Amino acid sequence: MPERDLPLKDYDHLPVGSLTTRIRTLGSDDLKTLLAYERSHANRMQVVSAMEHRLSGLANGAQPSGGDPAATGADAPPPAAGGSPVSEATTGPPVNPPSQGDPTNPAQPR
């Protein structure tokens, strides 16, 4: 089965922590589809175990949680604050490198 046919968009690129959260939004059929795909591709123990546990919960009456399985949530980096806080007023003192034999450098005692 191609990745584009899976219930979670960009499944192969989602971090494990995100997967374990997103599978809670899926029903049993979608979860079985993902589990079969996972077993035949990466077969990551943590992901397979989480999916099996969730399938067991659904079989025992649990309901898929609300929410959008495609939502990025914590996966997206925070927006850039914009601009650098560095300015002439926040620069450190000038650095005087070692003289390296330069007798005109006043930083080195003679």
N, C-alpha and C. Protein backbone atom coordinates (compact mmCIF):
# COMPACT_ATOMS: atom_id res chain seq x y z
N MET A 1 0.85 -1.18 0.00
CA MET A 1 0.00 0.00 0.00
C MET A 1 0.89 1.23 0.00
N PRO A 2 0.67 2.16 -0.91
CA PRO A 2 1.46 3.39 -0.92
C PRO A 2 1.12 4.29 0.27
N GLU A 3 2.12 5.05 0.69
CA GLU A 3 1.92 5.93 1.84
C GLU A 3 0.79 6.94 1.60
N ARG A 4 0.60 7.37 0.36
CA ARG A 4 -0.42 8.39 0.08
C ARG A 4 -1.84 7.89 0.37
N ASP A 5 -2.03 6.56 0.47
CA ASP A 5 -3.34 5.99 0.75
C ASP A 5 -3.59 5.76 2.24
N LEU A 6 -2.66 6.15 3.08
CA LEU A 6 -2.80 5.93 4.52
C LEU A 6 -3.68 7.00 5.16
N PRO A 7 -4.30 6.66 6.30
CA PRO A 7 -5.19 7.61 6.98
C PRO A 7 -4.48 8.82 7.59
N LEU A 8 -3.17 8.73 7.80
CA LEU A 8 -2.41 9.87 8.34
C LEU A 8 -1.47 10.39 7.25
N LYS A 9 -1.61 11.67 6.96
CA LYS A 9 -0.78 12.30 5.93
C LYS A 9 0.69 12.30 6.37
N ASP A 10 1.58 12.04 5.43
CA ASP A 10 3.03 12.03 5.67
C ASP A 10 3.42 11.09 6.81
N TYR A 11 2.77 9.96 6.86
CA TYR A 11 2.96 9.00 7.95
C TYR A 11 4.44 8.67 8.18
N ASP A 12 5.16 8.40 7.11
CA ASP A 12 6.56 7.99 7.26
C ASP A 12 7.46 9.07 7.83
N HIS A 13 7.00 10.30 7.83
CA HIS A 13 7.83 11.40 8.31
C HIS A 13 7.41 11.92 9.69
N LEU A 14 6.42 11.30 10.28
CA LEU A 14 5.95 11.75 11.59
C LEU A 14 6.83 11.15 12.69
N PRO A 15 7.18 11.95 13.70
CA PRO A 15 7.94 11.40 14.83
C PRO A 15 7.08 10.43 15.64
N VAL A 16 7.73 9.49 16.30
CA VAL A 16 7.03 8.46 17.06
C VAL A 16 6.08 9.07 18.09
N GLY A 17 6.51 10.11 18.79
CA GLY A 17 5.64 10.75 19.79
C GLY A 17 4.37 11.29 19.18
N SER A 18 4.47 11.82 18.00
CA SER A 18 3.30 12.34 17.30
C SER A 18 2.38 11.20 16.86
N LEU A 19 2.97 10.11 16.42
CA LEU A 19 2.16 8.97 15.97
C LEU A 19 1.33 8.40 17.11
N THR A 20 1.94 8.25 18.26
CA THR A 20 1.21 7.66 19.37
C THR A 20 0.05 8.54 19.81
N THR A 21 0.15 9.83 19.57
CA THR A 21 -0.96 10.74 19.87
C THR A 21 -2.00 10.71 18.77
N ARG A 22 -1.56 10.75 17.53
CA ARG A 22 -2.49 10.81 16.40
C ARG A 22 -3.31 9.55 16.20
N ILE A 23 -2.77 8.40 16.57
CA ILE A 23 -3.54 7.17 16.36
C ILE A 23 -4.79 7.14 17.24
N ARG A 24 -4.82 7.95 18.28
CA ARG A 24 -6.00 7.99 19.16
C ARG A 24 -7.21 8.59 18.45
N THR A 25 -6.97 9.30 17.35
CA THR A 25 -8.08 9.91 16.61
C THR A 25 -8.67 8.96 15.57
N LEU A 26 -8.03 7.81 15.37
CA LEU A 26 -8.43 6.90 14.30
C LEU A 26 -9.38 5.82 14.81
N GLY A 27 -10.23 5.36 13.91
CA GLY A 27 -11.09 4.22 14.21
C GLY A 27 -10.34 2.91 13.98
N SER A 28 -10.98 1.83 14.29
CA SER A 28 -10.36 0.52 14.21
C SER A 28 -9.87 0.16 12.80
N ASP A 29 -10.67 0.42 11.77
CA ASP A 29 -10.28 0.06 10.41
C ASP A 29 -9.05 0.85 9.95
N ASP A 30 -9.04 2.15 10.21
CA ASP A 30 -7.88 2.96 9.83
C ASP A 30 -6.64 2.53 10.61
N LEU A 31 -6.81 2.21 11.86
CA LEU A 31 -5.69 1.78 12.69
C LEU A 31 -5.13 0.45 12.20
N LYS A 32 -6.00 -0.46 11.79
CA LYS A 32 -5.53 -1.74 11.25
C LYS A 32 -4.75 -1.53 9.95
N THR A 33 -5.19 -0.59 9.13
CA THR A 33 -4.47 -0.26 7.90
C THR A 33 -3.07 0.25 8.22
N LEU A 34 -2.97 1.17 9.18
CA LEU A 34 -1.67 1.70 9.58
C LEU A 34 -0.78 0.63 10.19
N LEU A 35 -1.36 -0.23 10.99
CA LEU A 35 -0.58 -1.28 11.63
C LEU A 35 0.00 -2.23 10.59
N ALA A 36 -0.78 -2.59 9.60
CA ALA A 36 -0.27 -3.48 8.53
C ALA A 36 0.86 -2.78 7.77
N TYR A 37 0.69 -1.49 7.50
CA TYR A 37 1.73 -0.73 6.79
C TYR A 37 2.99 -0.66 7.64
N GLU A 38 2.84 -0.36 8.92
CA GLU A 38 4.00 -0.25 9.82
C GLU A 38 4.74 -1.57 9.89
N ARG A 39 4.04 -2.65 10.03
CA ARG A 39 4.69 -3.97 10.13
C ARG A 39 5.45 -4.32 8.85
N SER A 40 4.92 -3.91 7.70
CA SER A 40 5.58 -4.27 6.45
C SER A 40 6.67 -3.28 6.04
N HIS A 41 6.80 -2.18 6.75
CA HIS A 41 7.81 -1.19 6.39
C HIS A 41 8.82 -1.02 7.52
N ALA A 42 8.64 -0.07 8.39
CA ALA A 42 9.64 0.21 9.43
C ALA A 42 9.59 -0.80 10.57
N ASN A 43 8.40 -1.28 10.90
CA ASN A 43 8.20 -2.26 11.98
C ASN A 43 8.86 -1.81 13.28
N ARG A 44 8.59 -0.55 13.67
CA ARG A 44 9.14 -0.01 14.92
C ARG A 44 8.35 -0.58 16.09
N MET A 45 9.07 -1.20 17.01
CA MET A 45 8.43 -1.88 18.13
C MET A 45 7.52 -0.95 18.93
N GLN A 46 7.98 0.26 19.21
CA GLN A 46 7.19 1.19 20.02
C GLN A 46 5.88 1.56 19.30
N VAL A 47 5.95 1.77 17.99
CA VAL A 47 4.76 2.15 17.23
C VAL A 47 3.79 0.97 17.13
N VAL A 48 4.32 -0.21 16.80
CA VAL A 48 3.48 -1.40 16.70
C VAL A 48 2.79 -1.67 18.03
N SER A 49 3.55 -1.58 19.11
CA SER A 49 2.99 -1.83 20.44
C SER A 49 1.88 -0.82 20.77
N ALA A 50 2.11 0.45 20.46
CA ALA A 50 1.10 1.48 20.73
C ALA A 50 -0.16 1.23 19.92
N MET A 51 0.02 0.82 18.66
CA MET A 51 -1.14 0.56 17.81
C MET A 51 -1.92 -0.66 18.29
N GLU A 52 -1.20 -1.70 18.68
CA GLU A 52 -1.88 -2.90 19.19
C GLU A 52 -2.64 -2.57 20.47
N HIS A 53 -2.03 -1.78 21.34
CA HIS A 53 -2.68 -1.39 22.59
C HIS A 53 -3.93 -0.56 22.31
N ARG A 54 -3.83 0.34 21.34
CA ARG A 54 -5.00 1.17 21.00
C ARG A 54 -6.10 0.33 20.36
N LEU A 55 -5.73 -0.63 19.52
CA LEU A 55 -6.73 -1.53 18.93
C LEU A 55 -7.46 -2.32 20.01
N SER A 56 -6.70 -2.75 21.00
CA SER A 56 -7.30 -3.48 22.11
C SER A 56 -8.29 -2.58 22.86
N GLY A 57 -7.91 -1.34 23.08
CA GLY A 57 -8.80 -0.40 23.75
C GLY A 57 -10.07 -0.15 22.94
N LEU A 58 -9.92 -0.01 21.62
CA LEU A 58 -11.10 0.20 20.77
C LEU A 58 -12.02 -1.02 20.80
N ALA A 59 -11.42 -2.20 20.84
CA ALA A 59 -12.21 -3.43 20.90
C ALA A 59 -12.97 -3.53 22.21
N ASN A 60 -12.43 -2.90 23.27
CA ASN A 60 -13.07 -2.94 24.58
C ASN A 60 -13.99 -1.74 24.83
N GLY A 61 -14.30 -1.01 23.78
CA GLY A 61 -15.29 0.05 23.92
C GLY A 61 -14.76 1.47 23.89
N ALA A 62 -13.45 1.65 23.81
CA ALA A 62 -12.92 3.01 23.72
C ALA A 62 -13.35 3.64 22.41
N GLN A 63 -13.47 4.94 22.41
CA GLN A 63 -13.87 5.67 21.21
C GLN A 63 -12.69 6.50 20.71
N PRO A 64 -12.63 6.71 19.39
CA PRO A 64 -11.58 7.60 18.89
C PRO A 64 -11.75 8.99 19.51
N SER A 65 -10.64 9.59 19.86
CA SER A 65 -10.71 10.92 20.45
C SER A 65 -11.03 11.94 19.38
N GLY A 66 -11.52 13.07 19.80
CA GLY A 66 -11.80 14.13 18.85
C GLY A 66 -10.50 14.72 18.35
N GLY A 67 -10.59 15.54 17.39
CA GLY A 67 -9.39 16.17 16.87
C GLY A 67 -9.11 15.74 15.45
N ASP A 68 -8.25 16.48 14.83
CA ASP A 68 -7.89 16.23 13.45
C ASP A 68 -6.59 15.44 13.41
N PRO A 69 -6.60 14.22 12.84
CA PRO A 69 -5.36 13.45 12.80
C PRO A 69 -4.29 14.11 11.94
N ALA A 70 -4.67 15.05 11.10
CA ALA A 70 -3.70 15.73 10.25
C ALA A 70 -3.15 17.00 10.89
N ALA A 71 -3.68 17.37 12.05
CA ALA A 71 -3.23 18.59 12.71
C ALA A 71 -1.77 18.46 13.09
N THR A 72 -1.05 19.56 12.96
CA THR A 72 0.38 19.50 13.25
C THR A 72 0.67 19.61 14.73
N GLY A 73 -0.08 20.39 15.45
CA GLY A 73 0.10 20.50 16.90
C GLY A 73 1.53 20.81 17.28
N ALA A 74 2.11 19.97 18.13
CA ALA A 74 3.44 20.22 18.65
C ALA A 74 4.53 19.90 17.64
N ASP A 75 4.19 19.31 16.50
CA ASP A 75 5.21 18.97 15.52
C ASP A 75 5.78 20.20 14.83
N ALA A 76 4.98 21.22 14.71
CA ALA A 76 5.42 22.41 14.00
C ALA A 76 6.31 23.25 14.91
N PRO A 77 7.42 23.75 14.37
CA PRO A 77 8.27 24.61 15.20
C PRO A 77 7.56 25.93 15.47
N PRO A 78 7.90 26.56 16.57
CA PRO A 78 7.26 27.85 16.86
C PRO A 78 7.68 28.88 15.80
N PRO A 79 6.85 29.86 15.55
CA PRO A 79 7.21 30.87 14.56
C PRO A 79 8.43 31.66 15.02
N ALA A 80 9.19 32.13 14.08
CA ALA A 80 10.39 32.91 14.39
C ALA A 80 9.99 34.19 15.10
N ALA A 81 10.77 34.57 16.08
CA ALA A 81 10.49 35.77 16.85
C ALA A 81 10.74 37.01 15.99
N GLY A 82 11.55 36.86 14.99
CA GLY A 82 11.82 37.97 14.07
C GLY A 82 12.93 38.87 14.57
N GLY A 83 13.87 39.09 13.73
CA GLY A 83 14.96 40.00 14.06
C GLY A 83 15.87 39.45 15.13
N SER A 84 17.07 39.92 15.12
CA SER A 84 18.05 39.51 16.11
C SER A 84 18.08 40.53 17.25
N PRO A 85 18.17 40.07 18.50
CA PRO A 85 18.24 41.01 19.61
C PRO A 85 19.62 41.66 19.73
N VAL A 86 20.56 41.27 18.87
CA VAL A 86 21.91 41.80 18.94
C VAL A 86 21.94 43.19 18.31
N SER A 87 22.60 44.11 18.99
CA SER A 87 22.77 45.47 18.46
C SER A 87 24.10 46.00 18.99
N GLU A 88 24.45 47.18 18.58
CA GLU A 88 25.68 47.80 19.09
C GLU A 88 25.63 47.93 20.62
N ALA A 89 24.44 48.17 21.15
CA ALA A 89 24.30 48.36 22.60
C ALA A 89 24.46 47.06 23.37
N THR A 90 24.27 45.91 22.70
CA THR A 90 24.35 44.64 23.42
C THR A 90 25.61 43.85 23.10
N THR A 91 26.54 44.42 22.35
CA THR A 91 27.77 43.70 22.03
C THR A 91 28.69 43.68 23.24
N GLY A 92 29.55 42.70 23.30
CA GLY A 92 30.50 42.57 24.39
C GLY A 92 31.68 43.49 24.18
N PRO A 93 32.61 43.46 25.13
CA PRO A 93 33.80 44.31 25.00
C PRO A 93 34.67 43.82 23.83
N PRO A 94 35.47 44.68 23.27
CA PRO A 94 36.33 44.25 22.18
C PRO A 94 37.31 43.19 22.67
N VAL A 95 37.61 42.26 21.81
CA VAL A 95 38.53 41.18 22.15
C VAL A 95 39.90 41.55 21.60
N ASN A 96 40.88 41.49 22.47
CA ASN A 96 42.24 41.79 22.06
C ASN A 96 42.97 40.45 21.99
N PRO A 97 43.23 39.95 20.81
CA PRO A 97 43.87 38.64 20.69
C PRO A 97 45.31 38.68 21.19
N PRO A 98 45.88 37.51 21.46
CA PRO A 98 47.27 37.47 21.90
C PRO A 98 48.18 38.15 20.87
N SER A 99 49.27 38.66 21.35
CA SER A 99 50.14 39.45 20.48
C SER A 99 50.77 38.60 19.38
N GLN A 100 51.01 37.36 19.59
CA GLN A 100 51.66 36.50 18.61
C GLN A 100 52.95 37.13 18.10
N GLY A 101 53.66 37.74 19.03
CA GLY A 101 54.94 38.34 18.68
C GLY A 101 54.84 39.76 18.19
N ASP A 102 53.66 40.38 18.29
CA ASP A 102 53.50 41.76 17.84
C ASP A 102 53.86 42.68 19.01
N PRO A 103 54.99 43.35 18.95
CA PRO A 103 55.40 44.19 20.09
C PRO A 103 54.53 45.43 20.29
N THR A 104 53.65 45.73 19.31
CA THR A 104 52.79 46.91 19.47
C THR A 104 51.48 46.59 20.16
N ASN A 105 51.26 45.32 20.47
CA ASN A 105 50.02 44.92 21.10
C ASN A 105 50.14 45.19 22.59
N PRO A 106 49.31 46.10 23.13
CA PRO A 106 49.44 46.46 24.55
C PRO A 106 48.82 45.43 25.51
N ALA A 107 48.17 44.41 25.02
CA ALA A 107 47.49 43.46 25.92
C ALA A 107 48.49 42.51 26.58
N GLN A 108 49.66 42.35 26.01
CA GLN A 108 50.63 41.41 26.55
C GLN A 108 51.72 42.16 27.33
N PRO A 109 51.94 41.75 28.58
CA PRO A 109 53.02 42.39 29.33
C PRO A 109 54.37 42.07 28.71
N ARG A 110 55.30 42.97 28.84
CA ARG A 110 56.65 42.75 28.29
C ARG A 110 57.64 42.58 29.39
